[in-house]
Every structure is written in structure tokens, then in C-alpha cells.
Protein backbone atom coordinates (compact mmCIF):
# COMPACT_ATOMS: atom_id res chain seq x y z
CA MET A 1 17.29 -41.20 -5.73
CA ASP A 2 20.96 -40.27 -6.02
CA ASN A 3 21.74 -38.64 -9.38
CA THR A 4 25.43 -39.41 -8.88
CA LEU A 5 24.64 -43.12 -9.22
CA GLN A 6 22.62 -42.68 -12.42
CA LYS A 7 24.82 -40.13 -14.20
CA GLU A 8 26.60 -41.40 -17.29
CA VAL A 9 30.39 -41.56 -17.37
CA VAL A 10 32.01 -39.12 -19.79
CA PHE A 11 35.69 -39.25 -20.74
CA ALA A 12 37.76 -36.32 -21.99
CA LEU A 13 40.04 -37.65 -24.73
CA TYR A 14 43.66 -36.49 -25.02
CA PHE A 15 46.05 -37.46 -27.81
CA GLY A 16 49.80 -37.14 -27.40
CA ASN A 17 52.15 -36.60 -30.32
CA ARG A 18 55.73 -35.91 -31.29
CA GLY A 19 56.10 -33.88 -34.42
CA PHE A 20 58.31 -36.20 -36.45
CA PHE A 21 55.87 -39.11 -36.18
CA PRO A 22 53.38 -39.54 -39.06
CA GLU A 23 50.16 -37.56 -38.63
CA LYS A 24 48.06 -40.49 -39.86
CA LEU A 25 48.64 -42.16 -36.47
CA ILE A 26 46.80 -39.29 -34.74
CA ALA A 27 43.92 -39.26 -37.20
CA SER A 28 43.28 -42.98 -36.84
CA ALA A 29 43.65 -42.84 -33.04
CA ARG A 30 41.01 -40.12 -32.74
CA LYS A 31 38.54 -42.29 -34.63
CA GLU A 32 39.45 -45.56 -32.91
CA MET A 33 39.39 -44.21 -29.35
CA ALA A 34 36.03 -42.51 -29.94
CA GLU A 35 34.66 -45.77 -31.34
CA ALA A 36 36.04 -47.78 -28.41
CA VAL A 37 34.47 -45.49 -25.81
CA THR A 38 31.11 -45.46 -27.57
CA LYS A 39 31.02 -49.25 -27.99
CA ALA A 40 31.77 -49.66 -24.28
CA GLY A 41 28.65 -47.62 -23.48
CA TYR A 42 30.27 -44.36 -22.40
CA LYS A 43 30.38 -40.82 -23.76
CA TYR A 44 33.30 -38.58 -24.60
CA ILE A 45 34.30 -35.03 -25.30
CA ILE A 46 37.15 -34.34 -27.70
CA LEU A 47 39.23 -31.28 -28.57
CA ASP A 48 38.44 -29.80 -31.98
CA GLU A 49 41.20 -31.02 -34.28
CA LYS A 50 41.54 -27.49 -35.68
CA LEU A 51 42.65 -26.06 -32.33
CA THR A 52 46.02 -27.85 -32.38
CA ARG A 53 48.08 -29.64 -35.00
CA TYR A 54 46.05 -32.78 -35.87
CA GLY A 55 43.94 -32.31 -32.71
CA ALA A 56 46.79 -33.65 -30.56
CA VAL A 57 49.20 -32.10 -28.03
CA GLU A 58 52.90 -31.94 -28.88
CA SER A 59 54.11 -28.76 -27.12
CA ARG A 60 53.62 -26.62 -24.02
CA LYS A 61 51.61 -24.14 -26.08
CA GLU A 62 49.21 -26.83 -27.30
CA GLY A 63 49.07 -28.22 -23.78
CA LYS A 64 47.84 -24.81 -22.56
CA ILE A 65 45.14 -24.85 -25.24
CA TYR A 66 44.03 -28.28 -24.01
CA ALA A 67 44.13 -27.16 -20.35
CA ASP A 68 41.90 -24.16 -21.12
CA TRP A 69 39.47 -26.40 -23.03
CA LEU A 70 39.41 -28.89 -20.15
CA ALA A 71 38.76 -26.13 -17.61
CA ALA A 72 35.87 -24.83 -19.72
CA ASN A 73 34.39 -28.33 -19.65
CA GLU A 74 34.98 -28.96 -15.92
CA GLN A 75 31.40 -30.11 -15.32
CA ASN A 76 31.18 -32.17 -18.51
CA TYR A 77 33.61 -35.04 -17.90
CA ASP A 78 34.57 -37.54 -15.20
CA GLY A 79 38.05 -38.65 -16.22
CA VAL A 80 40.73 -38.17 -18.89
CA ILE A 81 42.08 -40.83 -21.23
CA ILE A 82 45.58 -40.02 -22.43
CA CYS A 83 45.92 -41.84 -25.74
CA LEU A 84 49.47 -42.27 -27.04
CA PRO A 85 49.38 -43.27 -30.71
CA ASN A 86 53.15 -42.64 -30.61
CA PHE A 87 55.78 -41.62 -28.07
CA GLY A 88 54.00 -38.38 -27.05
CA ASP A 89 55.42 -35.15 -25.64
CA GLU A 90 55.75 -35.08 -21.85
CA ASN A 91 56.02 -31.28 -21.57
CA GLY A 92 52.79 -30.85 -23.46
CA ALA A 93 51.11 -33.40 -21.20
CA ILE A 94 52.25 -31.57 -18.06
CA SER A 95 51.03 -28.25 -19.42
CA ALA A 96 47.69 -29.82 -20.33
CA LEU A 97 46.94 -31.79 -17.16
CA SER A 98 48.78 -30.20 -14.22
CA ASN A 99 45.52 -28.80 -12.87
CA CYS A 100 43.31 -31.76 -13.67
CA LYS A 101 41.62 -32.96 -10.47
CA LYS A 102 39.99 -36.02 -12.00
CA PRO A 103 41.23 -39.56 -12.74
CA ILE A 104 43.65 -39.93 -15.66
CA LEU A 105 44.21 -43.19 -17.58
CA ILE A 106 47.33 -43.51 -19.71
CA GLN A 107 46.88 -45.79 -22.74
CA ALA A 108 49.57 -46.56 -25.30
CA TYR A 109 49.26 -48.19 -28.72
CA PRO A 110 51.19 -51.39 -29.49
CA ASP A 111 53.64 -51.57 -32.39
CA GLU A 112 53.03 -54.24 -35.00
CA ILE A 113 55.55 -56.69 -36.40
CA GLY A 114 55.99 -55.82 -40.06
CA LYS A 115 55.18 -52.17 -39.43
CA MET A 116 58.33 -51.06 -37.66
CA ASP A 117 59.71 -48.77 -40.36
CA PHE A 118 60.05 -45.03 -39.80
CA GLU A 119 56.64 -44.32 -41.35
CA ASN A 120 54.77 -46.68 -39.02
CA ARG A 121 56.79 -47.26 -35.84
CA ARG A 122 55.08 -45.77 -32.78
CA ASP A 123 57.47 -46.18 -29.81
CA SER A 124 54.43 -45.73 -27.54
CA PHE A 125 55.75 -48.53 -25.30
CA CYS A 126 58.65 -46.27 -24.32
CA GLY A 127 56.62 -43.06 -24.40
CA LYS A 128 54.21 -44.36 -21.77
CA PHE A 129 57.10 -44.51 -19.32
CA SER A 130 58.04 -40.94 -20.19
CA ILE A 131 54.56 -39.58 -19.43
CA SER A 132 54.26 -41.69 -16.27
CA ASP A 133 57.66 -40.56 -15.00
CA VAL A 134 57.02 -36.87 -15.43
CA PHE A 135 53.54 -37.16 -13.88
CA TYR A 136 55.14 -38.87 -10.90
CA GLN A 137 57.66 -36.03 -10.62
CA TYR A 138 54.87 -33.44 -10.71
CA ARG A 139 52.73 -35.50 -8.29
CA ILE A 140 49.86 -35.77 -10.76
CA PRO A 141 47.78 -38.88 -9.86
CA PHE A 142 47.26 -41.27 -12.77
CA THR A 143 46.10 -44.80 -13.54
CA LEU A 144 47.96 -47.56 -15.36
CA LEU A 145 46.23 -50.79 -16.36
CA GLU A 146 47.55 -53.97 -17.91
CA PRO A 147 48.86 -54.68 -20.49
CA HIS A 148 51.44 -51.94 -20.94
CA VAL A 149 50.36 -51.36 -24.56
CA VAL A 150 46.90 -52.16 -25.93
CA HIS A 151 44.86 -51.31 -29.00
CA PRO A 152 41.72 -49.26 -28.26
CA LEU A 153 39.49 -51.59 -30.28
CA SER A 154 40.61 -54.75 -28.48
CA ASP A 155 38.51 -56.69 -25.97
CA THR A 156 41.24 -56.11 -23.41
CA PHE A 157 40.95 -52.34 -23.66
CA ASN A 158 37.17 -52.66 -23.45
CA SER A 159 37.70 -54.27 -20.03
CA ASN A 160 40.16 -51.51 -19.15
CA LEU A 161 37.52 -48.91 -19.98
CA HIS A 162 34.97 -50.54 -17.68
CA GLU A 163 37.47 -50.64 -14.83
CA PHE A 164 38.50 -47.03 -15.35
CA ALA A 165 34.85 -45.98 -15.55
CA SER A 166 34.33 -47.61 -12.15
CA VAL A 167 37.29 -45.66 -10.78
CA CYS A 168 35.79 -42.44 -12.14
CA LYS A 169 32.36 -43.19 -10.63
CA ILE A 170 33.87 -43.95 -7.23
CA VAL A 171 35.93 -40.77 -7.21
CA ARG A 172 33.02 -38.67 -8.49
CA GLY A 173 30.68 -39.99 -5.82
CA MET A 174 33.05 -40.16 -2.85
CA ARG A 175 34.80 -36.79 -2.90
CA LYS A 176 31.83 -34.98 -1.39
CA PHE A 177 28.63 -36.44 0.06
CA SER A 178 26.39 -36.39 3.12
CA ILE A 179 25.24 -39.18 5.44
CA GLY A 180 22.24 -38.85 7.73
CA VAL A 181 22.50 -40.51 11.14
CA ILE A 182 19.02 -41.18 12.54
CA GLY A 183 19.45 -41.90 16.23
CA ALA A 184 22.40 -42.23 18.57
CA ARG A 185 24.92 -45.04 18.34
CA THR A 186 23.38 -48.27 19.55
CA THR A 187 24.58 -48.41 23.15
CA ALA A 188 25.75 -52.01 23.01
CA PHE A 189 27.91 -51.49 19.90
CA LYS A 190 31.08 -49.51 20.55
CA THR A 191 32.38 -51.28 17.46
CA VAL A 192 30.54 -48.78 15.24
CA ARG A 193 32.14 -45.63 16.64
CA TYR A 194 33.57 -43.12 14.17
CA ASP A 195 35.34 -39.75 13.99
CA GLU A 196 33.18 -37.04 12.37
CA ILE A 197 36.04 -34.57 12.03
CA ALA A 198 38.22 -37.12 10.26
CA LEU A 199 35.39 -37.89 7.84
CA GLN A 200 34.87 -34.21 7.07
CA LYS A 201 38.51 -33.98 6.05
CA TYR A 202 37.67 -36.45 3.27
CA GLY A 203 34.57 -34.52 2.18
CA ILE A 204 32.07 -36.70 4.08
CA THR A 205 29.52 -34.61 6.00
CA VAL A 206 27.56 -36.21 8.84
CA GLU A 207 24.08 -34.88 9.66
CA THR A 208 22.59 -36.21 12.92
CA PHE A 209 18.96 -36.52 13.99
CA ASP A 210 17.61 -37.66 17.33
CA LEU A 211 15.47 -40.78 17.06
CA SER A 212 12.78 -39.02 19.11
CA SER A 213 12.28 -36.61 16.20
CA LEU A 214 11.47 -39.53 13.90
CA ILE A 215 9.10 -40.99 16.49
CA ASP A 216 7.46 -37.55 16.76
CA LYS A 217 7.07 -37.35 12.97
CA VAL A 218 5.40 -40.74 12.93
CA SER A 219 3.07 -39.94 15.83
CA LYS A 220 1.67 -36.95 13.95
CA MET A 221 0.77 -38.93 10.81
CA SER A 222 -2.78 -40.08 10.25
CA ASP A 223 -3.44 -43.78 9.70
CA ASP A 224 -5.57 -42.97 6.65
CA ASP A 225 -3.07 -40.56 5.07
CA PRO A 226 -2.90 -41.34 1.30
CA GLN A 227 0.92 -41.25 1.49
CA VAL A 228 0.84 -44.02 4.07
CA ALA A 229 -1.49 -46.06 1.86
CA ALA A 230 0.91 -45.57 -1.07
CA LYS A 231 3.85 -46.85 0.98
CA ILE A 232 1.87 -49.90 2.08
CA GLU A 233 0.99 -50.63 -1.54
CA PHE A 234 4.65 -50.29 -2.50
CA LEU A 235 5.82 -52.63 0.27
CA ASN A 236 3.19 -55.23 -0.66
CA GLY A 237 4.53 -55.21 -4.21
CA TYR A 238 8.16 -55.19 -3.12
CA THR A 239 8.13 -58.27 -0.89
CA ASN A 240 5.81 -60.78 0.77
CA CYS A 241 3.98 -58.88 3.52
CA SER A 242 1.01 -61.25 3.69
CA ASN A 243 1.63 -62.20 7.33
CA VAL A 244 2.10 -58.65 8.61
CA PRO A 245 -0.81 -57.29 10.71
CA ASP A 246 -2.52 -54.23 9.20
CA GLU A 247 -1.53 -51.91 12.05
CA LYS A 248 2.12 -52.91 11.61
CA MET A 249 1.97 -52.20 7.87
CA ILE A 250 0.60 -48.75 8.69
CA MET A 251 3.48 -48.11 11.09
CA LEU A 252 6.06 -49.34 8.54
CA GLY A 253 4.55 -46.96 5.99
CA LYS A 254 4.78 -44.05 8.39
CA VAL A 255 8.41 -44.72 9.32
CA PHE A 256 9.24 -45.07 5.61
CA ILE A 257 7.78 -41.60 4.98
CA GLY A 258 9.65 -40.15 7.97
CA ILE A 259 13.02 -41.45 6.77
CA GLU A 260 12.42 -40.14 3.26
CA GLU A 261 11.58 -36.70 4.66
CA TYR A 262 15.04 -36.50 6.22
CA ILE A 263 16.62 -37.61 2.94
CA SER A 264 14.73 -34.99 0.94
CA GLU A 265 15.01 -32.07 3.37
CA TYR A 266 18.73 -32.47 3.99
CA ASP A 267 19.69 -33.73 0.51
CA LEU A 268 21.28 -36.87 1.96
CA ASP A 269 23.26 -39.37 -0.10
CA ALA A 270 23.09 -42.16 2.50
CA VAL A 271 21.49 -42.89 5.86
CA THR A 272 22.25 -45.08 8.84
CA ILE A 273 19.61 -45.85 11.47
CA ARG A 274 19.40 -46.81 15.13
CA CYS A 275 17.23 -49.85 14.45
CA TRP A 276 16.89 -51.27 17.95
CA ASP A 277 15.41 -51.35 20.41
CA GLU A 278 13.32 -48.15 20.66
CA MET A 279 11.63 -48.77 17.32
CA GLU A 280 10.49 -52.14 18.56
CA ASN A 281 9.56 -51.02 22.09
CA ILE A 282 7.84 -47.77 21.11
CA LEU A 283 6.67 -48.23 17.51
CA GLY A 284 6.36 -52.01 17.48
CA ILE A 285 8.25 -52.55 14.21
CA ALA A 286 11.73 -53.34 12.89
CA PRO A 287 12.84 -51.13 9.97
CA CYS A 288 14.80 -53.86 8.12
CA VAL A 289 12.49 -54.07 5.08
CA LEU A 290 12.55 -50.28 4.73
CA LEU A 291 16.35 -50.31 4.50
CA SER A 292 16.11 -53.14 1.96
CA ALA A 293 13.77 -51.08 -0.20
CA LEU A 294 15.85 -47.91 0.11
CA ASN A 295 18.97 -49.74 -1.03
CA ASP A 296 17.13 -51.19 -4.01
CA ARG A 297 16.12 -47.65 -4.98
CA GLY A 298 19.71 -46.39 -4.94
CA MET A 299 19.70 -44.80 -1.48
CA VAL A 300 22.39 -46.38 0.68
CA ALA A 301 20.89 -47.33 4.06
CA SER A 302 22.69 -49.20 6.83
CA CYS A 303 21.45 -50.41 10.20
CA GLU A 304 22.82 -50.24 13.77
CA ILE A 305 24.25 -46.75 13.17
CA ASP A 306 27.12 -48.34 11.24
CA LEU A 307 28.09 -45.20 9.38
CA ASN A 308 31.43 -46.64 8.25
CA SER A 309 29.61 -49.48 6.53
CA ALA A 310 27.34 -46.93 4.84
CA ILE A 311 30.44 -45.23 3.43
CA CYS A 312 31.62 -48.54 2.00
CA MET A 313 28.17 -49.38 0.67
CA ARG A 314 28.20 -46.14 -1.27
CA ALA A 315 31.68 -46.82 -2.67
CA VAL A 316 30.93 -50.33 -3.92
CA GLN A 317 27.51 -49.27 -5.22
CA LEU A 318 29.23 -46.58 -7.27
CA ALA A 319 31.67 -49.16 -8.61
CA THR A 320 29.09 -51.78 -9.57
CA SER A 321 25.82 -49.85 -10.13
CA TYR A 322 24.16 -52.50 -7.94
CA PRO A 323 22.89 -52.15 -4.37
CA ALA A 324 25.27 -53.17 -1.60
CA ALA A 325 24.62 -54.78 1.79
CA CYS A 326 26.01 -54.56 5.31
CA LEU A 327 26.35 -58.07 6.78
CA ASP A 328 27.70 -59.76 9.88
CA TRP A 329 30.70 -62.08 9.75
CA ASN A 330 28.34 -64.50 11.43
CA ASN A 331 29.00 -68.27 11.26
CA ASN A 332 31.46 -70.87 10.14
CA TYR A 333 30.11 -73.27 7.51
CA GLY A 334 30.99 -76.71 8.77
CA ASP A 335 34.71 -77.31 8.77
CA ASP A 336 35.53 -75.54 5.49
CA PRO A 337 38.07 -72.85 6.45
CA ASP A 338 37.32 -70.71 3.39
CA LYS A 339 33.53 -70.60 3.80
CA VAL A 340 31.52 -68.28 6.02
CA ILE A 341 27.84 -67.47 6.53
CA LEU A 342 27.29 -63.75 6.05
CA PHE A 343 24.01 -62.60 7.58
CA HIS A 344 21.79 -59.78 8.68
CA CYS A 345 18.25 -59.71 10.03
CA GLY A 346 16.55 -58.47 6.88
CA PRO A 347 17.87 -55.19 5.38
CA VAL A 348 19.42 -56.82 2.27
CA ALA A 349 18.22 -55.40 -1.06
CA GLN A 350 15.98 -57.96 -2.78
CA SER A 351 17.96 -57.57 -6.00
CA LEU A 352 20.78 -59.37 -4.13
CA MET A 353 18.45 -62.18 -2.99
CA ARG A 354 17.30 -65.39 -4.70
CA GLY A 355 13.74 -64.08 -4.81
CA LYS A 356 11.23 -62.11 -2.81
CA GLY A 357 11.70 -62.22 0.91
CA THR A 358 9.04 -62.69 3.55
CA VAL A 359 8.46 -60.03 6.20
CA THR A 360 8.35 -61.58 9.68
CA ASP A 361 8.19 -60.62 13.32
CA HIS A 362 11.92 -60.26 14.06
CA LYS A 363 12.72 -63.41 16.01
CA MET A 364 15.16 -61.76 18.40
CA PHE A 365 12.53 -59.27 19.57
CA ALA A 366 9.63 -61.72 19.33
CA LYS A 367 11.42 -63.96 21.81
CA VAL A 368 11.04 -61.28 24.49
CA CYS A 369 7.91 -59.48 23.34
CA PRO A 370 6.04 -61.07 20.41
CA GLY A 371 4.59 -58.68 17.85
CA THR A 372 7.08 -55.85 18.34
CA GLY A 373 9.54 -56.70 15.55
CA TRP A 374 7.47 -56.82 12.35
CA GLY A 375 9.72 -55.73 9.47
CA SER A 376 12.51 -58.30 9.15
CA ASN A 377 12.67 -59.26 5.45
CA GLU A 378 13.88 -62.86 5.54
CA GLY A 379 15.31 -64.82 2.63
CA ARG A 380 18.56 -66.03 1.11
CA ILE A 381 21.32 -64.15 -0.68
CA ASP A 382 21.79 -65.18 -4.31
CA SER A 383 24.99 -66.70 -5.73
CA PHE A 384 27.34 -64.24 -7.47
CA PRO A 385 30.95 -63.04 -7.46
CA MET A 386 31.31 -60.42 -4.77
CA THR A 387 33.62 -57.78 -3.36
CA PHE A 388 33.80 -57.25 0.39
CA LEU A 389 35.18 -54.24 2.26
CA ASN A 390 34.87 -52.00 5.29
CA CYS A 391 36.57 -49.00 6.84
CA LYS A 392 37.38 -47.32 10.13
CA THR A 393 38.48 -43.89 11.33
CA GLU A 394 41.63 -43.86 13.44
CA ASN A 395 44.09 -41.10 14.31
CA GLY A 396 42.31 -38.70 11.95
CA LYS A 397 42.56 -41.04 8.99
CA LEU A 398 40.12 -43.19 7.02
CA GLU A 399 41.39 -46.73 6.40
CA PHE A 400 39.80 -49.48 4.30
CA TYR A 401 40.27 -53.15 3.56
CA VAL A 402 39.09 -54.63 0.26
CA GLY A 403 38.86 -58.25 -0.88
CA GLU A 404 36.98 -60.55 -3.24
CA GLY A 405 35.07 -63.80 -2.96
CA GLU A 406 31.84 -65.37 -4.13
CA PHE A 407 28.43 -66.28 -2.79
CA LEU A 408 27.60 -69.94 -3.37
CA ASP A 409 24.44 -71.99 -3.83
CA ASP A 410 25.20 -73.93 -0.63
CA GLU A 411 22.08 -74.35 1.44
CA ILE A 412 21.43 -72.97 4.91
CA GLU A 413 18.90 -74.84 7.00
CA ASP A 414 15.34 -73.50 7.13
CA GLY A 415 15.52 -72.80 10.86
CA TYR A 416 18.23 -70.16 10.28
CA PHE A 417 16.40 -66.82 10.52
CA GLY A 418 17.12 -63.59 8.69
CA CYS A 419 18.77 -63.07 5.30
CA ALA A 420 22.02 -64.94 4.76
CA GLY A 421 24.28 -66.57 2.23
CA VAL A 422 27.31 -68.85 2.17
CA ALA A 423 30.41 -67.08 0.89
CA ARG A 424 33.77 -68.50 -0.10
CA ILE A 425 36.86 -66.34 0.36
CA GLU A 426 40.29 -67.74 -0.42
CA ASP A 427 42.61 -67.84 2.61
CA LEU A 428 39.78 -66.59 4.80
CA GLN A 429 41.29 -67.54 8.16
CA PRO A 430 44.41 -65.34 8.01
CA LYS A 431 42.26 -62.51 6.63
CA LEU A 432 39.92 -62.77 9.62
CA ASN A 433 42.86 -62.68 12.00
CA LYS A 434 44.25 -59.60 10.29
CA LEU A 435 40.88 -57.83 10.53
CA GLY A 436 40.61 -58.71 14.20
CA LYS A 437 44.17 -57.63 14.98
CA ASN A 438 43.62 -54.28 13.24
CA GLY A 439 40.40 -53.28 14.99
CA TYR A 440 37.83 -53.93 12.28
CA ARG A 441 34.20 -54.52 13.14
CA HIS A 442 31.96 -57.56 13.02
CA HIS A 443 30.28 -56.12 9.92
CA THR A 444 31.49 -56.31 6.34
CA VAL A 445 30.00 -54.71 3.24
CA ILE A 446 29.39 -56.75 0.10
CA GLY A 447 28.82 -55.68 -3.49
CA LYS A 448 27.97 -57.63 -6.60
CA GLY A 449 30.92 -58.36 -8.90
CA HIS A 450 34.69 -58.28 -8.59
CA VAL A 451 35.67 -54.61 -8.38
CA ALA A 452 38.45 -54.66 -5.79
CA SER A 453 41.05 -53.31 -8.20
CA ALA A 454 38.87 -50.31 -9.13
CA LEU A 455 38.12 -49.56 -5.47
CA ILE A 456 41.77 -49.83 -4.46
CA GLU A 457 42.85 -47.61 -7.35
CA ALA A 458 40.26 -44.95 -6.52
CA PHE A 459 40.94 -45.10 -2.78
CA SER A 460 44.72 -45.01 -2.92
CA THR A 461 45.48 -42.93 -6.01
CA TYR A 462 42.76 -40.28 -5.97
CA LEU A 463 40.95 -40.18 -2.61
CA ASN A 464 43.98 -40.50 -0.29
CA TYR A 465 42.42 -43.19 1.89
CA ASP A 466 44.71 -45.58 3.76
CA LEU A 467 44.51 -49.28 2.90
CA LEU A 468 45.06 -52.43 4.95
CA ASP A 469 46.67 -55.09 2.80
CA LEU A 470 44.70 -58.31 3.23
């Protein structure tokens, strides 16, 4: 649904030079960097080599040429790679990139033993410090990755490219987006409160809709509407709905259509929903499986009006290109201090689960009024390396924590309802204490893969979010 998630990453390539270094270093760098980016699966734009000497930048004048070219291509790239085949000219770099508002990676070539004569020595190791220093002085945000010098065609730089691409995707997708809030904050959960004005300062627009308007939409839909039938067919293919009564499938289809109408009409990038208990008491369903399906289709959807978790779900989805999930810090796992059961009723994307789930009558609601909670998509979360995070608004600021762990194959007994998995997080106990002491909620967001470094870089260097050090 969200084009931001599907859009390819494009790098603008920049080559630094100092005039007394051999021009062959620039020519080979232009070819090697283009090859490296292409092999990594990304696209690039590159300054015509006829516009400056060798197609590099070695003066303020050439920097201005590059800046004008970059401005003309504002919509055509997501980040800049500064390639230093040799020392590079810092004044040219400042002239070229002072007005760049996108992520910048500084890469420097390594020198080679046996090629340290005047015709081959690069001095890029030293030159990288020069560019970094002057960028720091001018307050131009930039990214440095390890090692200090690296060849573009190495496996190490290939990994660097993937990390920097994640940074670019996060920044591209987080600087400006809209979240739809369907319903008021769940009365019992003051833990999910947030500051709309603070969020707007960071480019996050909140659009609110009364839950009664969704209920009204649903009430006006016909049971035999072809759109409803199409949604039922989709849900039957998406997960195991074999136990769901026909009238409940019809209601799930209607609510699905209603949510998508908000998304389409208001051009939303994410939604968060008041999922209890009016939906159960009035409509007789739980929307969990609908949120699961939305997340699998690229539309971030969180439950319990946890808008802050929706923000984090979007960020980690941008970083990984996989759906994310909002889960409860729910149970200890025996006496292992580094293991925890992370759980939610059934909104987890099935692509994060071991297999298809089974839609049930939500056990919490069924205990009081059987038949009112059809929609909980139960199952187990798959095993994979994961990143966890969440955020809060406080004193007009947006603050995040970010960490890494892994989901395991450890079993959870059959009687445990909902969708859950056993996670291992190193030094979990002090981390939990720190989260509790600093006012973080009982929810955490998980994404597939280890992308904490890319998230932290994007958050701190380019998006100006505050970070809690776990």
C-alpha cells in the first residue's frame, strides 16, 4: 500500500579529489563504486565526468557544479555516497553538500602495501578525517561506518551499503507521514498517551476518527455486497477461518472495508485502532486478524490506540522491508533471566509466524460473553534475529530505545492463547528496569533482523530523535 516502502533506494555518487593525485584513481573509483552499488541491488546517479575535471570535485567551483546538479535531482536520490579515492578537497565538499538534506556516507579507499609511491599512494585514510572534521564544523550530518577505509568491491563495503540503504529508507519514510487514529484511547490504558503537537514537530501528522463513524460505516453495508464477499475470500486464503461463523466473517469483511476507506480517503501511512471493547460489544468481533493482514500488506496497523508503537513499527519496517509487530512484554520463561515471552492476542503478521494462524473467539471476551470476540488470529511467532524498540513523547520531544535479540524455537504450551514467541535478549533484566524507570510502556515493537545500528544512526544523526541508552 505504501509506496515509500516499495520504492528503490538510489544513491547520488560523489568523488573527491586533490589535483596532484593521479587521475587514474578517480576513473577507477567511478567504475568500482558504480559496480558495487549495482551488485548490492541499488541504483545510482552520477555526475557527468565532463562537467568537472575527471568527474570529481576538487575545488569550490566544482563543488558548486555538483550542488546545482544535486538540487536538480532532488527527487531522484535518497542519500549521497562520498567516495574518496584519495585525500579529497574539503572546501569542494562543503560547497557541494552544504544544502544536502539527505543522509551522507563517507567512504575512503585503503592504501595497498607495495603501492605507496607518489603515483599510487592515496592518503584517503587521513582525508576522511579532513572531510568529517569540516562537516562537523559546518553542522552537516553524515554517517561513518567501520572500517575506516574499505574498498568498494569488498564484502565489507557491501554490508556497509545495506546498512546505509536502511538508514536512507528510515529517513525517507519518517520525515513526513500520517497516522490515522480510529477511536479514542482505550480508557484503561493511560500508558499509551501521546503528545500530538510534539509529533507534528517531527513531521508526524495525526488524523483522528471517532469509532462511532466506523460503526456507522459498517452498519450501512449490505451483507451481500461483492466487496464484502471479496474480503471474506481474502481472509479465508490468508489464514484458517474454518471455525468462524458466517455472520462473523461478514462483519470482519465489513470492518476491513471500513478501515481501508479511512486509509484511502486520508492517504494514511499507518493506523492504530481502539480494538476493545466496543467492537466486541457492538459488532461482535475482534479486529486482530485485520491488523495482521494489513501489516502483511505493508500498511502499519497497531492495536489499543498505541500510536507510539505504530511509529516504531513504521521505522523498523522501513529498515527491514518486513512487517513489524506490537507485542506485550508478557511473561517470564521459567527461571532464565534473559528469556521472555512476547505476546499479543492475534494482530501479528503471518509472515512473522511459523505458519498460518487460526482465527478464534478471543478468549478474554469469550470468558464474559462467548461469540463476541471472533477475529483473534492465534499461532506462534517464528524464530529469527530481531530488533526491538519503542518510543514516547515527553516534554515536547520524541524519545526511543532500540535493542536486539532473537526469537527462539522454545515451545510454549498449547493452552497459552494468542500469538506469542520466546525471545532471548542479553542482559534483559537491567534493560527491563531501565525501561520501567524511564516511563516506557508494556508494549514493545519487534522487527525481523538486526538493524539497531541503522535505526540509531537515522534517529540520532538525521531525524533529531532522543535516544535512551539501553
